[in-house]
Amino acid sequence: MKIAVPTANGKLNAHFGHCEAFTILEVDEATKAISSVSSIDAPPHEPGLLPAWLGDRAVNMIIAGGMGQRAKMLFEQRDIHVITGAPCDTPENIVRAYLEGSLVTGENTCDH
């Protein structure tokens, strides 16, 4: 599985569509281990672009602080699961918590 986390300065960026980069973590669901971590600069913000852009990179899940409802719907249509309300932490800590079943999420920080 590949999980994308929108980042800025090495930590989750609360506003998904305006992040500097995406950290993409490959994980083994059976062993609950992170097998690789890479970062890729985000493309310019353009509504509707990111679902295809991340889908082309074989991303299966996004863990974000906030995301608009339309964007969530577009990701789900591409079979990319979305989790919102994640805390501002490093992508590795966020994904480890998710894999361990201990990720605590709050409110979706995006209201559009």
PDB file of N, CA and C in Angstrom:
ATOM      1  N   MET A   1       0.848  -1.172   0.000  1.00  0.00           N
ATOM      2  CA  MET A   1       0.000   0.000   0.000  1.00  0.00           C
ATOM      3  C   MET A   1       0.893   1.236   0.000  1.00  0.00           C
ATOM      4  N   LYS A   2       0.446   2.265  -0.706  1.00  0.00           N
ATOM      5  CA  LYS A   2       1.139   3.554  -0.704  1.00  0.00           C
ATOM      6  C   LYS A   2       0.226   4.590  -0.065  1.00  0.00           C
ATOM      7  N   ILE A   3       0.787   5.281   0.928  1.00  0.00           N
ATOM      8  CA  ILE A   3       0.044   6.317   1.647  1.00  0.00           C
ATOM      9  C   ILE A   3       0.727   7.656   1.382  1.00  0.00           C
ATOM     10  N   ALA A   4      -0.064   8.647   0.973  1.00  0.00           N
ATOM     11  CA  ALA A   4       0.460   9.993   0.735  1.00  0.00           C
ATOM     12  C   ALA A   4       0.040  10.907   1.873  1.00  0.00           C
ATOM     13  N   VAL A   5       1.000  11.723   2.329  1.00  0.00           N
ATOM     14  CA  VAL A   5       0.747  12.714   3.371  1.00  0.00           C
ATOM     15  C   VAL A   5       1.203  14.072   2.821  1.00  0.00           C
ATOM     16  N   PRO A   6       0.303  15.065   2.767  1.00  0.00           N
ATOM     17  CA  PRO A   6       0.705  16.392   2.303  1.00  0.00           C
ATOM     18  C   PRO A   6       1.614  17.037   3.352  1.00  0.00           C
ATOM     19  N   THR A   7       2.762  17.556   2.911  1.00  0.00           N
ATOM     20  CA  THR A   7       3.731  18.057   3.876  1.00  0.00           C
ATOM     21  C   THR A   7       4.261  19.442   3.531  1.00  0.00           C
ATOM     22  N   ALA A   8       4.783  20.078   4.564  1.00  0.00           N
ATOM     23  CA  ALA A   8       5.538  21.328   4.467  1.00  0.00           C
ATOM     24  C   ALA A   8       6.538  21.290   5.616  1.00  0.00           C
ATOM     25  N   ASN A   9       7.779  21.538   5.319  1.00  0.00           N
ATOM     26  CA  ASN A   9       8.833  21.531   6.340  1.00  0.00           C
ATOM     27  C   ASN A   9       8.890  20.221   7.119  1.00  0.00           C
ATOM     28  N   GLY A  10       8.642  19.098   6.442  1.00  0.00           N
ATOM     29  CA  GLY A  10       8.786  17.792   7.068  1.00  0.00           C
ATOM     30  C   GLY A  10       7.634  17.329   7.933  1.00  0.00           C
ATOM     31  N   LYS A  11       6.570  18.117   8.011  1.00  0.00           N
ATOM     32  CA  LYS A  11       5.401  17.741   8.816  1.00  0.00           C
ATOM     33  C   LYS A  11       4.136  17.892   7.990  1.00  0.00           C
ATOM     34  N   LEU A  12       3.074  17.247   8.470  1.00  0.00           N
ATOM     35  CA  LEU A  12       1.789  17.336   7.791  1.00  0.00           C
ATOM     36  C   LEU A  12       1.396  18.794   7.614  1.00  0.00           C
ATOM     37  N   ASN A  13       0.981  19.132   6.398  1.00  0.00           N
ATOM     38  CA  ASN A  13       0.464  20.465   6.096  1.00  0.00           C
ATOM     39  C   ASN A  13      -1.050  20.384   6.210  1.00  0.00           C
ATOM     40  N   ALA A  14      -1.617  21.217   7.062  1.00  0.00           N
ATOM     41  CA  ALA A  14      -3.056  21.136   7.338  1.00  0.00           C
ATOM     42  C   ALA A  14      -3.923  21.387   6.111  1.00  0.00           C
ATOM     43  N   HIS A  15      -3.456  22.198   5.157  1.00  0.00           N
ATOM     44  CA  HIS A  15      -4.280  22.464   3.984  1.00  0.00           C
ATOM     45  C   HIS A  15      -3.780  21.643   2.809  1.00  0.00           C
ATOM     46  N   PHE A  16      -4.467  20.580   2.544  1.00  0.00           N
ATOM     47  CA  PHE A  16      -4.091  19.578   1.552  1.00  0.00           C
ATOM     48  C   PHE A  16      -3.721  20.146   0.193  1.00  0.00           C
ATOM     49  N   GLY A  17      -4.561  20.970  -0.380  1.00  0.00           N
ATOM     50  CA  GLY A  17      -4.366  21.444  -1.744  1.00  0.00           C
ATOM     51  C   GLY A  17      -3.247  22.448  -1.925  1.00  0.00           C
ATOM     52  N   HIS A  18      -2.679  22.933  -0.836  1.00  0.00           N
ATOM     53  CA  HIS A  18      -1.644  23.962  -0.939  1.00  0.00           C
ATOM     54  C   HIS A  18      -0.349  23.532  -0.249  1.00  0.00           C
ATOM     55  N   CYS A  19      -0.082  22.249  -0.211  1.00  0.00           N
ATOM     56  CA  CYS A  19       1.139  21.764   0.437  1.00  0.00           C
ATOM     57  C   CYS A  19       2.342  21.954  -0.482  1.00  0.00           C
ATOM     58  N   GLU A  20       3.551  21.902   0.098  1.00  0.00           N
ATOM     59  CA  GLU A  20       4.792  22.001  -0.676  1.00  0.00           C
ATOM     60  C   GLU A  20       5.081  20.706  -1.417  1.00  0.00           C
ATOM     61  N   ALA A  21       4.812  19.597  -0.721  1.00  0.00           N
ATOM     62  CA  ALA A  21       5.200  18.286  -1.246  1.00  0.00           C
ATOM     63  C   ALA A  21       4.246  17.227  -0.717  1.00  0.00           C
ATOM     64  N   PHE A  22       4.376  16.038  -1.278  1.00  0.00           N
ATOM     65  CA  PHE A  22       3.692  14.871  -0.738  1.00  0.00           C
ATOM     66  C   PHE A  22       4.760  13.874  -0.332  1.00  0.00           C
ATOM     67  N   THR A  23       4.675  13.409   0.900  1.00  0.00           N
ATOM     68  CA  THR A  23       5.538  12.324   1.335  1.00  0.00           C
ATOM     69  C   THR A  23       4.757  11.056   1.062  1.00  0.00           C
ATOM     70  N   ILE A  24       5.370  10.155   0.317  1.00  0.00           N
ATOM     71  CA  ILE A  24       4.716   8.899  -0.032  1.00  0.00           C
ATOM     72  C   ILE A  24       5.433   7.776   0.686  1.00  0.00           C
ATOM     73  N   LEU A  25       4.671   7.052   1.485  1.00  0.00           N
ATOM     74  CA  LEU A  25       5.218   5.965   2.285  1.00  0.00           C
ATOM     75  C   LEU A  25       4.661   4.649   1.780  1.00  0.00           C
ATOM     76  N   GLU A  26       5.543   3.730   1.437  1.00  0.00           N
ATOM     77  CA  GLU A  26       5.113   2.387   1.065  1.00  0.00           C
ATOM     78  C   GLU A  26       5.094   1.568   2.338  1.00  0.00           C
ATOM     79  N   VAL A  27       3.989   0.861   2.562  1.00  0.00           N
ATOM     80  CA  VAL A  27       3.858   0.079   3.790  1.00  0.00           C
ATOM     81  C   VAL A  27       3.456  -1.350   3.467  1.00  0.00           C
ATOM     82  N   ASP A  28       3.881  -2.236   4.334  1.00  0.00           N
ATOM     83  CA  ASP A  28       3.472  -3.635   4.266  1.00  0.00           C
ATOM     84  C   ASP A  28       2.381  -3.795   5.315  1.00  0.00           C
ATOM     85  N   GLU A  29       1.159  -3.985   4.853  1.00  0.00           N
ATOM     86  CA  GLU A  29       0.035  -4.079   5.791  1.00  0.00           C
ATOM     87  C   GLU A  29       0.137  -5.294   6.700  1.00  0.00           C
ATOM     88  N   ALA A  30       0.712  -6.376   6.207  1.00  0.00           N
ATOM     89  CA  ALA A  30       0.814  -7.597   7.001  1.00  0.00           C
ATOM     90  C   ALA A  30       1.770  -7.414   8.178  1.00  0.00           C
ATOM     91  N   THR A  31       2.917  -6.793   7.923  1.00  0.00           N
ATOM     92  CA  THR A  31       3.912  -6.622   8.989  1.00  0.00           C
ATOM     93  C   THR A  31       3.785  -5.272   9.682  1.00  0.00           C
ATOM     94  N   LYS A  32       2.951  -4.403   9.138  1.00  0.00           N
ATOM     95  CA  LYS A  32       2.755  -3.050   9.666  1.00  0.00           C
ATOM     96  C   LYS A  32       4.071  -2.281   9.718  1.00  0.00           C
ATOM     97  N   ALA A  33       4.848  -2.439   8.644  1.00  0.00           N
ATOM     98  CA  ALA A  33       6.143  -1.775   8.567  1.00  0.00           C
ATOM     99  C   ALA A  33       6.177  -0.823   7.372  1.00  0.00           C
ATOM    100  N   ILE A  34       6.896   0.266   7.548  1.00  0.00           N
ATOM    101  CA  ILE A  34       7.132   1.211   6.451  1.00  0.00           C
ATOM    102  C   ILE A  34       8.355   0.700   5.701  1.00  0.00           C
ATOM    103  N   SER A  35       8.200   0.432   4.404  1.00  0.00           N
ATOM    104  CA  SER A  35       9.320  -0.110   3.634  1.00  0.00           C
ATOM    105  C   SER A  35      10.083   0.965   2.866  1.00  0.00           C
ATOM    106  N   SER A  36       9.442   2.084   2.539  1.00  0.00           N
ATOM    107  CA  SER A  36      10.159   3.172   1.877  1.00  0.00           C
ATOM    108  C   SER A  36       9.426   4.487   2.089  1.00  0.00           C
ATOM    109  N   VAL A  37      10.203   5.561   2.042  1.00  0.00           N
ATOM    110  CA  VAL A  37       9.665   6.913   2.201  1.00  0.00           C
ATOM    111  C   VAL A  37      10.300   7.783   1.123  1.00  0.00           C
ATOM    112  N   SER A  38       9.472   8.490   0.380  1.00  0.00           N
ATOM    113  CA  SER A  38       9.989   9.419  -0.628  1.00  0.00           C
ATOM    114  C   SER A  38       9.147  10.681  -0.595  1.00  0.00           C
ATOM    115  N   SER A  39       9.717  11.744  -1.093  1.00  0.00           N
ATOM    116  CA  SER A  39       8.998  13.012  -1.138  1.00  0.00           C
ATOM    117  C   SER A  39       9.013  13.518  -2.574  1.00  0.00           C
ATOM    118  N   ILE A  40       7.886  14.043  -3.000  1.00  0.00           N
ATOM    119  CA  ILE A  40       7.777  14.578  -4.353  1.00  0.00           C
ATOM    120  C   ILE A  40       7.100  15.944  -4.268  1.00  0.00           C
ATOM    121  N   ASP A  41       7.677  16.925  -4.959  1.00  0.00           N
ATOM    122  CA  ASP A  41       7.102  18.264  -4.954  1.00  0.00           C
ATOM    123  C   ASP A  41       5.674  18.222  -5.494  1.00  0.00           C
ATOM    124  N   ALA A  42       4.804  18.967  -4.844  1.00  0.00           N
ATOM    125  CA  ALA A  42       3.409  19.029  -5.276  1.00  0.00           C
ATOM    126  C   ALA A  42       3.298  19.855  -6.555  1.00  0.00           C
ATOM    127  N   PRO A  43       2.381  19.481  -7.431  1.00  0.00           N
ATOM    128  CA  PRO A  43       2.149  20.313  -8.615  1.00  0.00           C
ATOM    129  C   PRO A  43       1.440  21.595  -8.202  1.00  0.00           C
ATOM    130  N   PRO A  44       1.388  22.589  -9.080  1.00  0.00           N
ATOM    131  CA  PRO A  44       0.637  23.813  -8.764  1.00  0.00           C
ATOM    132  C   PRO A  44      -0.818  23.462  -8.437  1.00  0.00           C
ATOM    133  N   HIS A  45      -1.404  24.217  -7.502  1.00  0.00           N
ATOM    134  CA  HIS A  45      -2.785  23.936  -7.099  1.00  0.00           C
ATOM    135  C   HIS A  45      -3.730  24.180  -8.269  1.00  0.00           C
ATOM    136  N   GLU A  46      -4.482  23.139  -8.578  1.00  0.00           N
ATOM    137  CA  GLU A  46      -5.465  23.215  -9.653  1.00  0.00           C
ATOM    138  C   GLU A  46      -6.593  22.262  -9.270  1.00  0.00           C
ATOM    139  N   PRO A  47      -7.803  22.762  -9.051  1.00  0.00           N
ATOM    140  CA  PRO A  47      -8.901  21.894  -8.627  1.00  0.00           C
ATOM    141  C   PRO A  47      -9.055  20.670  -9.538  1.00  0.00           C
ATOM    142  N   GLY A  48      -9.142  19.497  -8.914  1.00  0.00           N
ATOM    143  CA  GLY A  48      -9.358  18.257  -9.652  1.00  0.00           C
ATOM    144  C   GLY A  48      -8.101  17.578 -10.166  1.00  0.00           C
ATOM    145  N   LEU A  49      -6.939  18.210 -10.045  1.00  0.00           N
ATOM    146  CA  LEU A  49      -5.701  17.644 -10.569  1.00  0.00           C
ATOM    147  C   LEU A  49      -5.132  16.530  -9.687  1.00  0.00           C
ATOM    148  N   LEU A  50      -5.153  16.706  -8.378  1.00  0.00           N
ATOM    149  CA  LEU A  50      -4.452  15.784  -7.480  1.00  0.00           C
ATOM    150  C   LEU A  50      -4.961  14.345  -7.482  1.00  0.00           C
ATOM    151  N   PRO A  51      -6.252  14.085  -7.631  1.00  0.00           N
ATOM    152  CA  PRO A  51      -6.669  12.675  -7.667  1.00  0.00           C
ATOM    153  C   PRO A  51      -5.974  11.885  -8.783  1.00  0.00           C
ATOM    154  N   ALA A  52      -5.897  12.441  -9.977  1.00  0.00           N
ATOM    155  CA  ALA A  52      -5.218  11.747 -11.071  1.00  0.00           C
ATOM    156  C   ALA A  52      -3.715  11.720 -10.846  1.00  0.00           C
ATOM    157  N   TRP A  53      -3.158  12.818 -10.377  1.00  0.00           N
ATOM    158  CA  TRP A  53      -1.713  12.930 -10.163  1.00  0.00           C
ATOM    159  C   TRP A  53      -1.226  11.912  -9.133  1.00  0.00           C
ATOM    160  N   LEU A  54      -1.931  11.807  -8.014  1.00  0.00           N
ATOM    161  CA  LEU A  54      -1.548  10.813  -6.992  1.00  0.00           C
ATOM    162  C   LEU A  54      -1.928   9.397  -7.429  1.00  0.00           C
ATOM    163  N   GLY A  55      -3.050   9.244  -8.115  1.00  0.00           N
ATOM    164  CA  GLY A  55      -3.449   7.936  -8.633  1.00  0.00           C
ATOM    165  C   GLY A  55      -2.423   7.382  -9.601  1.00  0.00           C
ATOM    166  N   ASP A  56      -1.847   8.249 -10.435  1.00  0.00           N
ATOM    167  CA  ASP A  56      -0.808   7.825 -11.375  1.00  0.00           C
ATOM    168  C   ASP A  56       0.451   7.365 -10.655  1.00  0.00           C
ATOM    169  N   ARG A  57       0.598   7.729  -9.393  1.00  0.00           N
ATOM    170  CA  ARG A  57       1.735   7.307  -8.582  1.00  0.00           C
ATOM    171  C   ARG A  57       1.382   6.126  -7.683  1.00  0.00           C
ATOM    172  N   ALA A  58       0.254   5.486  -7.989  1.00  0.00           N
ATOM    173  CA  ALA A  58      -0.213   4.268  -7.303  1.00  0.00           C
ATOM    174  C   ALA A  58      -0.502   4.469  -5.814  1.00  0.00           C
ATOM    175  N   VAL A  59      -0.907   5.687  -5.442  1.00  0.00           N
ATOM    176  CA  VAL A  59      -1.289   5.955  -4.057  1.00  0.00           C
ATOM    177  C   VAL A  59      -2.647   5.312  -3.790  1.00  0.00           C
ATOM    178  N   ASN A  60      -2.767   4.626  -2.642  1.00  0.00           N
ATOM    179  CA  ASN A  60      -4.011   3.964  -2.243  1.00  0.00           C
ATOM    180  C   ASN A  60      -4.767   4.712  -1.149  1.00  0.00           C
ATOM    181  N   MET A  61      -4.019   5.576  -0.411  1.00  0.00           N
ATOM    182  CA  MET A  61      -4.619   6.249   0.736  1.00  0.00           C
ATOM    183  C   MET A  61      -3.953   7.600   0.929  1.00  0.00           C
ATOM    184  N   ILE A  62      -4.739   8.541   1.430  1.00  0.00           N
ATOM    185  CA  ILE A  62      -4.230   9.851   1.797  1.00  0.00           C
ATOM    186  C   ILE A  62      -4.606  10.094   3.247  1.00  0.00           C
ATOM    187  N   ILE A  63      -3.623  10.550   4.014  1.00  0.00           N
ATOM    188  CA  ILE A  63      -3.893  10.970   5.385  1.00  0.00           C
ATOM    189  C   ILE A  63      -3.590  12.458   5.424  1.00  0.00           C
ATOM    190  N   ALA A  64      -4.625  13.260   5.721  1.00  0.00           N
ATOM    191  CA  ALA A  64      -4.508  14.716   5.655  1.00  0.00           C
ATOM    192  C   ALA A  64      -5.095  15.365   6.899  1.00  0.00           C
ATOM    193  N   GLY A  65      -4.783  16.650   7.050  1.00  0.00           N
ATOM    194  CA  GLY A  65      -5.413  17.422   8.115  1.00  0.00           C
ATOM    195  C   GLY A  65      -6.803  17.831   7.681  1.00  0.00           C
ATOM    196  N   GLY A  66      -6.881  18.396   6.494  1.00  0.00           N
ATOM    197  CA  GLY A  66      -8.168  18.834   5.975  1.00  0.00           C
ATOM    198  C   GLY A  66      -8.250  18.664   4.477  1.00  0.00           C
ATOM    199  N   MET A  67      -9.469  18.476   4.006  1.00  0.00           N
ATOM    200  CA  MET A  67      -9.710  18.325   2.572  1.00  0.00           C
ATOM    201  C   MET A  67     -11.174  18.637   2.307  1.00  0.00           C
ATOM    202  N   GLY A  68     -11.425  19.365   1.241  1.00  0.00           N
ATOM    203  CA  GLY A  68     -12.795  19.682   0.866  1.00  0.00           C
ATOM    204  C   GLY A  68     -13.580  18.446   0.459  1.00  0.00           C
ATOM    205  N   GLN A  69     -14.884  18.526   0.575  1.00  0.00           N
ATOM    206  CA  GLN A  69     -15.752  17.382   0.277  1.00  0.00           C
ATOM    207  C   GLN A  69     -15.671  16.958  -1.185  1.00  0.00           C
ATOM    208  N   ARG A  70     -15.568  17.896  -2.093  1.00  0.00           N
ATOM    209  CA  ARG A  70     -15.471  17.544  -3.511  1.00  0.00           C
ATOM    210  C   ARG A  70     -14.181  16.772  -3.782  1.00  0.00           C
ATOM    211  N   ALA A  71     -13.084  17.240  -3.208  1.00  0.00           N
ATOM    212  CA  ALA A  71     -11.811  16.534  -3.395  1.00  0.00           C
ATOM    213  C   ALA A  71     -11.892  15.119  -2.821  1.00  0.00           C
ATOM    214  N   LYS A  72     -12.478  14.972  -1.644  1.00  0.00           N
ATOM    215  CA  LYS A  72     -12.632  13.632  -1.054  1.00  0.00           C
ATOM    216  C   LYS A  72     -13.411  12.717  -1.994  1.00  0.00           C
ATOM    217  N   MET A  73     -14.484  13.248  -2.570  1.00  0.00           N
ATOM    218  CA  MET A  73     -15.302  12.460  -3.480  1.00  0.00           C
ATOM    219  C   MET A  73     -14.496  12.039  -4.719  1.00  0.00           C
ATOM    220  N   LEU A  74     -13.692  12.948  -5.264  1.00  0.00           N
ATOM    221  CA  LEU A  74     -12.882  12.622  -6.439  1.00  0.00           C
ATOM    222  C   LEU A  74     -11.837  11.548  -6.127  1.00  0.00           C
ATOM    223  N   PHE A  75     -11.255  11.598  -4.939  1.00  0.00           N
ATOM    224  CA  PHE A  75     -10.301  10.555  -4.547  1.00  0.00           C
ATOM    225  C   PHE A  75     -10.995   9.211  -4.376  1.00  0.00           C
ATOM    226  N   GLU A  76     -12.130   9.215  -3.723  1.00  0.00           N
ATOM    227  CA  GLU A  76     -12.864   7.961  -3.501  1.00  0.00           C
ATOM    228  C   GLU A  76     -13.283   7.342  -4.842  1.00  0.00           C
ATOM    229  N   GLN A  77     -13.599   8.171  -5.835  1.00  0.00           N
ATOM    230  CA  GLN A  77     -13.952   7.647  -7.161  1.00  0.00           C
ATOM    231  C   GLN A  77     -12.779   6.937  -7.816  1.00  0.00           C
ATOM    232  N   ARG A  78     -11.574   7.280  -7.422  1.00  0.00           N
ATOM    233  CA  ARG A  78     -10.361   6.622  -7.944  1.00  0.00           C
ATOM    234  C   ARG A  78      -9.884   5.507  -7.010  1.00  0.00           C
ATOM    235  N   ASP A  79     -10.727   5.118  -6.054  1.00  0.00           N
ATOM    236  CA  ASP A  79     -10.387   4.079  -5.071  1.00  0.00           C
ATOM    237  C   ASP A  79      -9.189   4.462  -4.214  1.00  0.00           C
ATOM    238  N   ILE A  80      -9.079   5.740  -3.898  1.00  0.00           N
ATOM    239  CA  ILE A  80      -8.055   6.230  -2.977  1.00  0.00           C
ATOM    240  C   ILE A  80      -8.779   6.638  -1.701  1.00  0.00           C
ATOM    241  N   HIS A  81      -8.530   5.884  -0.618  1.00  0.00           N
ATOM    242  CA  HIS A  81      -9.189   6.127   0.667  1.00  0.00           C
ATOM    243  C   HIS A  81      -8.614   7.394   1.301  1.00  0.00           C
ATOM    244  N   VAL A  82      -9.464   8.199   1.921  1.00  0.00           N
ATOM    245  CA  VAL A  82      -9.050   9.463   2.522  1.00  0.00           C
ATOM    246  C   VAL A  82      -9.361   9.467   4.008  1.00  0.00           C
ATOM    247  N   ILE A  83      -8.360   9.839   4.805  1.00  0.00           N
ATOM    248  CA  ILE A  83      -8.545  10.058   6.244  1.00  0.00           C
ATOM    249  C   ILE A  83      -8.198  11.520   6.500  1.00  0.00           C
ATOM    250  N   THR A  84      -9.091  12.258   7.144  1.00  0.00           N
ATOM    251  CA  THR A  84      -8.828  13.658   7.470  1.00  0.00           C
ATOM    252  C   THR A  84      -8.794  13.846   8.975  1.00  0.00           C
ATOM    253  N   GLY A  85      -8.322  15.010   9.381  1.00  0.00           N
ATOM    254  CA  GLY A  85      -8.257  15.341  10.801  1.00  0.00           C
ATOM    255  C   GLY A  85      -6.986  14.852  11.471  1.00  0.00           C
ATOM    256  N   ALA A  86      -5.981  14.480  10.674  1.00  0.00           N
ATOM    257  CA  ALA A  86      -4.719  13.988  11.242  1.00  0.00           C
ATOM    258  C   ALA A  86      -3.965  15.146  11.901  1.00  0.00           C
ATOM    259  N   PRO A  87      -3.164  14.828  12.916  1.00  0.00           N
ATOM    260  CA  PRO A  87      -2.410  15.867  13.619  1.00  0.00           C
ATOM    261  C   PRO A  87      -1.177  16.320  12.831  1.00  0.00           C
ATOM    262  N   CYS A  88      -0.669  17.487  13.170  1.00  0.00           N
ATOM    263  CA  CYS A  88       0.544  18.005  12.553  1.00  0.00           C
ATOM    264  C   CYS A  88       1.745  17.297  13.177  1.00  0.00           C
ATOM    265  N   ASP A  89       2.248  16.298  12.466  1.00  0.00           N
ATOM    266  CA  ASP A  89       3.372  15.488  12.941  1.00  0.00           C
ATOM    267  C   ASP A  89       4.135  15.035  11.702  1.00  0.00           C
ATOM    268  N   THR A  90       5.185  14.280  11.891  1.00  0.00           N
ATOM    269  CA  THR A  90       5.923  13.776  10.736  1.00  0.00           C
ATOM    270  C   THR A  90       5.099  12.698  10.044  1.00  0.00           C
ATOM    271  N   PRO A  91       5.261  12.548   8.735  1.00  0.00           N
ATOM    272  CA  PRO A  91       4.520  11.509   8.021  1.00  0.00           C
ATOM    273  C   PRO A  91       4.780  10.112   8.595  1.00  0.00           C
ATOM    274  N   GLU A  92       6.015   9.840   8.990  1.00  0.00           N
ATOM    275  CA  GLU A  92       6.334   8.521   9.550  1.00  0.00           C
ATOM    276  C   GLU A  92       5.558   8.256  10.835  1.00  0.00           C
ATOM    277  N   ASN A  93       5.502   9.243  11.733  1.00  0.00           N
ATOM    278  CA  ASN A  93       4.751   9.059  12.979  1.00  0.00           C
ATOM    279  C   ASN A  93       3.262   8.877  12.718  1.00  0.00           C
ATOM    280  N   ILE A  94       2.727   9.641  11.772  1.00  0.00           N
ATOM    281  CA  ILE A  94       1.306   9.541  11.445  1.00  0.00           C
ATOM    282  C   ILE A  94       0.987   8.161  10.881  1.00  0.00           C
ATOM    283  N   VAL A  95       1.794   7.688   9.941  1.00  0.00           N
ATOM    284  CA  VAL A  95       1.528   6.387   9.315  1.00  0.00           C
ATOM    285  C   VAL A  95       1.752   5.254  10.307  1.00  0.00           C
ATOM    286  N   ARG A  96       2.771   5.348  11.156  1.00  0.00           N
ATOM    287  CA  ARG A  96       2.959   4.304  12.183  1.00  0.00           C
ATOM    288  C   ARG A  96       1.733   4.217  13.093  1.00  0.00           C
ATOM    289  N   ALA A  97       1.226   5.379  13.506  1.00  0.00           N
ATOM    290  CA  ALA A  97       0.034   5.392  14.365  1.00  0.00           C
ATOM    291  C   ALA A  97      -1.154   4.775  13.630  1.00  0.00           C
ATOM    292  N   TYR A  98      -1.308   5.090  12.355  1.00  0.00           N
ATOM    293  CA  TYR A  98      -2.391   4.493  11.570  1.00  0.00           C
ATOM    294  C   TYR A  98      -2.246   2.971  11.537  1.00  0.00           C
ATOM    295  N   LEU A  99      -1.049   2.495  11.234  1.00  0.00           N
ATOM    296  CA  LEU A  99      -0.820   1.047  11.125  1.00  0.00           C
ATOM    297  C   LEU A  99      -1.051   0.333  12.455  1.00  0.00           C
ATOM    298  N   GLU A 100      -0.747   1.016  13.556  1.00  0.00           N
ATOM    299  CA  GLU A 100      -0.935   0.435  14.892  1.00  0.00           C
ATOM    300  C   GLU A 100      -2.377   0.576  15.387  1.00  0.00           C
ATOM    301  N   GLY A 101      -3.200   1.299  14.645  1.00  0.00           N
ATOM    302  CA  GLY A 101      -4.583   1.515  15.065  1.00  0.00           C
ATOM    303  C   GLY A 101      -4.732   2.572  16.135  1.00  0.00           C
ATOM    304  N   SER A 102      -3.705   3.424  16.290  1.00  0.00           N
ATOM    305  CA  SER A 102      -3.751   4.425  17.353  1.00  0.00           C
ATOM    306  C   SER A 102      -3.785   5.866  16.829  1.00  0.00           C
ATOM    307  N   LEU A 103      -4.022   6.043  15.529  1.00  0.00           N
ATOM    308  CA  LEU A 103      -4.084   7.395  14.978  1.00  0.00           C
ATOM    309  C   LEU A 103      -5.338   8.092  15.485  1.00  0.00           C
ATOM    310  N   VAL A 104      -5.133   9.205  16.150  1.00  0.00           N
ATOM    311  CA  VAL A 104      -6.252  10.007  16.672  1.00  0.00           C
ATOM    312  C   VAL A 104      -6.480  11.157  15.703  1.00  0.00           C
ATOM    313  N   THR A 105      -7.684  11.213  15.154  1.00  0.00           N
ATOM    314  CA  THR A 105      -8.014  12.278  14.225  1.00  0.00           C
ATOM    315  C   THR A 105      -9.018  13.231  14.866  1.00  0.00           C
ATOM    316  N   GLY A 106      -8.934  14.482  14.447  1.00  0.00           N
ATOM    317  CA  GLY A 106      -9.862  15.495  14.925  1.00  0.00           C
ATOM    318  C   GLY A 106     -10.780  15.914  13.789  1.00  0.00           C
ATOM    319  N   GLU A 107     -11.157  17.168  13.822  1.00  0.00           N
ATOM    320  CA  GLU A 107     -12.044  17.691  12.789  1.00  0.00           C
ATOM    321  C   GLU A 107     -11.293  17.870  11.480  1.00  0.00           C
ATOM    322  N   ASN A 108     -12.023  17.732  10.389  1.00  0.00           N
ATOM    323  CA  ASN A 108     -11.504  18.054   9.083  1.00  0.00           C
ATOM    324  C   ASN A 108     -11.236  19.555   9.092  1.00  0.00           C
ATOM    325  N   THR A 109      -9.986  19.955   8.876  1.00  0.00           N
ATOM    326  CA  THR A 109      -9.626  21.371   8.993  1.00  0.00           C
ATOM    327  C   THR A 109      -9.949  22.189   7.751  1.00  0.00           C
ATOM    328  N   CYS A 110     -10.636  21.596   6.784  1.00  0.00           N
ATOM    329  CA  CYS A 110     -11.021  22.308   5.563  1.00  0.00           C
ATOM    330  C   CYS A 110     -12.540  22.455   5.547  1.00  0.00           C
ATOM    331  N   ASP A 111     -12.999  23.639   5.187  1.00  0.00           N
ATOM    332  CA  ASP A 111     -14.445  23.870   5.216  1.00  0.00           C
ATOM    333  C   ASP A 111     -15.043  24.123   3.838  1.00  0.00           C
ATOM    334  N   HIS A 112     -14.346  23.719   2.770  1.00  0.00           N
ATOM    335  CA  HIS A 112     -14.919  23.919   1.430  1.00  0.00           C
ATOM    336  C   HIS A 112     -14.753  22.677   0.581  1.00  0.00           C
TER     337      HIS A 112
END
